[in-house]
Amino acid sequence: MRKVLVTLLVGCFVGLVACGGGKGDSCDEEGKVIGECDEGFVCGRENNDQTGKLVCLTQCQTQLQCEVDEDCYPVANTNLRGCRKK
């Protein structure tokens, strides 16, 4: 019974880690939400000029939803916006 429980817990942990990413985690497909990043995040370029690596950005609609050192900018090829460092 204990072996089954440990196996189940390890499987759940691996499933959670593999499903998405939080703020700043690497991702592979710009503009994608499901499967790339956790809920409330979107995969986008880390810099405002659409350069840099792809990372999970906090989704925003207005500047007020971003941190003080971030700006709310559109994510390429989507109607979504993400918070990026100024």
C-alpha atoms as a PDB file:
ATOM      1  CA  MET A   1       0.000   0.000   0.000  1.00  0.00           C
ATOM      2  CA  ARG A   2       2.784   2.416   0.904  1.00  0.00           C
ATOM      3  CA  LYS A   3       4.589   1.742  -2.380  1.00  0.00           C
ATOM      4  CA  VAL A   4       1.404   2.494  -4.334  1.00  0.00           C
ATOM      5  CA  LEU A   5       0.867   5.753  -2.426  1.00  0.00           C
ATOM      6  CA  VAL A   6       4.451   6.918  -3.018  1.00  0.00           C
ATOM      7  CA  THR A   7       4.200   6.068  -6.720  1.00  0.00           C
ATOM      8  CA  LEU A   8       0.941   7.981  -6.994  1.00  0.00           C
ATOM      9  CA  LEU A   9       2.372  11.047  -5.246  1.00  0.00           C
ATOM     10  CA  VAL A  10       5.492  11.061  -7.428  1.00  0.00           C
ATOM     11  CA  GLY A  11       3.330  10.729 -10.548  1.00  0.00           C
ATOM     12  CA  CYS A  12       1.157  13.665  -9.496  1.00  0.00           C
ATOM     13  CA  PHE A  13       4.208  15.823  -8.779  1.00  0.00           C
ATOM     14  CA  VAL A  14       5.775  15.061 -12.162  1.00  0.00           C
ATOM     15  CA  GLY A  15       2.459  15.816 -13.871  1.00  0.00           C
ATOM     16  CA  LEU A  16       2.173  19.194 -12.175  1.00  0.00           C
ATOM     17  CA  VAL A  17       5.738  20.205 -12.964  1.00  0.00           C
ATOM     18  CA  ALA A  18       5.497  19.165 -16.606  1.00  0.00           C
ATOM     19  CA  CYS A  19       2.184  20.908 -17.352  1.00  0.00           C
ATOM     20  CA  GLY A  20       3.137  24.532 -17.263  1.00  0.00           C
ATOM     21  CA  GLY A  21       5.259  27.250 -15.841  1.00  0.00           C
ATOM     22  CA  GLY A  22       4.998  30.244 -13.604  1.00  0.00           C
ATOM     23  CA  LYS A  23       6.253  33.764 -14.092  1.00  0.00           C
ATOM     24  CA  GLY A  24       9.659  33.826 -15.779  1.00  0.00           C
ATOM     25  CA  ASP A  25       9.770  30.100 -16.533  1.00  0.00           C
ATOM     26  CA  SER A  26      10.894  29.096 -20.027  1.00  0.00           C
ATOM     27  CA  CYS A  27       8.262  28.155 -22.604  1.00  0.00           C
ATOM     28  CA  ASP A  28       8.341  27.072 -26.255  1.00  0.00           C
ATOM     29  CA  GLU A  29       5.406  28.561 -28.169  1.00  0.00           C
ATOM     30  CA  GLU A  30       4.780  32.310 -28.143  1.00  0.00           C
ATOM     31  CA  GLY A  31       1.172  33.241 -27.457  1.00  0.00           C
ATOM     32  CA  LYS A  32       0.260  29.839 -26.073  1.00  0.00           C
ATOM     33  CA  VAL A  33      -1.343  29.599 -22.649  1.00  0.00           C
ATOM     34  CA  ILE A  34      -2.577  26.066 -22.000  1.00  0.00           C
ATOM     35  CA  GLY A  35       0.235  23.546 -21.602  1.00  0.00           C
ATOM     36  CA  GLU A  36       2.970  26.148 -21.773  1.00  0.00           C
ATOM     37  CA  CYS A  37       2.302  28.333 -18.745  1.00  0.00           C
ATOM     38  CA  ASP A  38       0.190  28.167 -15.612  1.00  0.00           C
ATOM     39  CA  GLU A  39      -3.239  29.807 -15.465  1.00  0.00           C
ATOM     40  CA  GLY A  40      -2.981  33.598 -15.657  1.00  0.00           C
ATOM     41  CA  PHE A  41       0.264  33.531 -17.663  1.00  0.00           C
ATOM     42  CA  VAL A  42       1.077  33.606 -21.378  1.00  0.00           C
ATOM     43  CA  CYS A  43       4.222  32.603 -23.279  1.00  0.00           C
ATOM     44  CA  GLY A  44       5.951  35.647 -24.773  1.00  0.00           C
ATOM     45  CA  ARG A  45       9.299  37.333 -25.414  1.00  0.00           C
ATOM     46  CA  GLU A  46      10.892  38.670 -22.237  1.00  0.00           C
ATOM     47  CA  ASN A  47      11.741  42.099 -23.704  1.00  0.00           C
ATOM     48  CA  ASN A  48       9.354  44.862 -24.783  1.00  0.00           C
ATOM     49  CA  ASP A  49      10.944  45.030 -28.248  1.00  0.00           C
ATOM     50  CA  GLN A  50       9.944  41.373 -28.900  1.00  0.00           C
ATOM     51  CA  THR A  51      13.506  40.099 -28.364  1.00  0.00           C
ATOM     52  CA  GLY A  52      14.909  37.758 -25.760  1.00  0.00           C
ATOM     53  CA  LYS A  53      13.967  34.258 -24.769  1.00  0.00           C
ATOM     54  CA  LEU A  54      10.411  32.970 -24.474  1.00  0.00           C
ATOM     55  CA  VAL A  55       9.136  33.046 -20.880  1.00  0.00           C
ATOM     56  CA  CYS A  56       5.817  32.876 -19.067  1.00  0.00           C
ATOM     57  CA  LEU A  57       4.494  36.425 -18.574  1.00  0.00           C
ATOM     58  CA  THR A  58       1.703  37.536 -16.266  1.00  0.00           C
ATOM     59  CA  GLN A  59      -1.354  38.308 -18.400  1.00  0.00           C
ATOM     60  CA  CYS A  60      -2.623  41.883 -18.167  1.00  0.00           C
ATOM     61  CA  GLN A  61      -5.179  44.183 -19.740  1.00  0.00           C
ATOM     62  CA  THR A  62      -3.985  47.396 -18.093  1.00  0.00           C
ATOM     63  CA  GLN A  63      -0.766  48.736 -16.596  1.00  0.00           C
ATOM     64  CA  LEU A  64      -2.326  48.499 -13.120  1.00  0.00           C
ATOM     65  CA  GLN A  65      -2.139  44.691 -13.288  1.00  0.00           C
ATOM     66  CA  CYS A  66       1.660  44.717 -13.643  1.00  0.00           C
ATOM     67  CA  GLU A  67       4.337  45.264 -11.027  1.00  0.00           C
ATOM     68  CA  VAL A  68       5.928  48.712 -10.646  1.00  0.00           C
ATOM     69  CA  ASP A  69       9.003  47.726 -12.712  1.00  0.00           C
ATOM     70  CA  GLU A  70       6.920  46.216 -15.554  1.00  0.00           C
ATOM     71  CA  ASP A  71       4.857  47.442 -18.506  1.00  0.00           C
ATOM     72  CA  CYS A  72       1.772  45.789 -20.053  1.00  0.00           C
ATOM     73  CA  TYR A  73       2.590  45.038 -23.711  1.00  0.00           C
ATOM     74  CA  PRO A  74       0.902  42.971 -26.441  1.00  0.00           C
ATOM     75  CA  VAL A  75       2.109  39.416 -27.064  1.00  0.00           C
ATOM     76  CA  ALA A  76       2.934  38.796 -30.736  1.00  0.00           C
ATOM     77  CA  ASN A  77       0.299  37.122 -32.929  1.00  0.00           C
ATOM     78  CA  THR A  78      -2.376  37.177 -30.174  1.00  0.00           C
ATOM     79  CA  ASN A  79      -4.916  39.524 -28.641  1.00  0.00           C
ATOM     80  CA  LEU A  80      -3.263  38.939 -25.241  1.00  0.00           C
ATOM     81  CA  ARG A  81      -0.988  41.255 -23.297  1.00  0.00           C
ATOM     82  CA  GLY A  82       1.773  40.402 -20.839  1.00  0.00           C
ATOM     83  CA  CYS A  83       3.769  42.201 -18.131  1.00  0.00           C
ATOM     84  CA  ARG A  84       7.403  42.694 -19.154  1.00  0.00           C
ATOM     85  CA  LYS A  85      10.315  44.380 -17.349  1.00  0.00           C
ATOM     86  CA  LYS A  86      10.744  48.047 -18.264  1.00  0.00           C
END
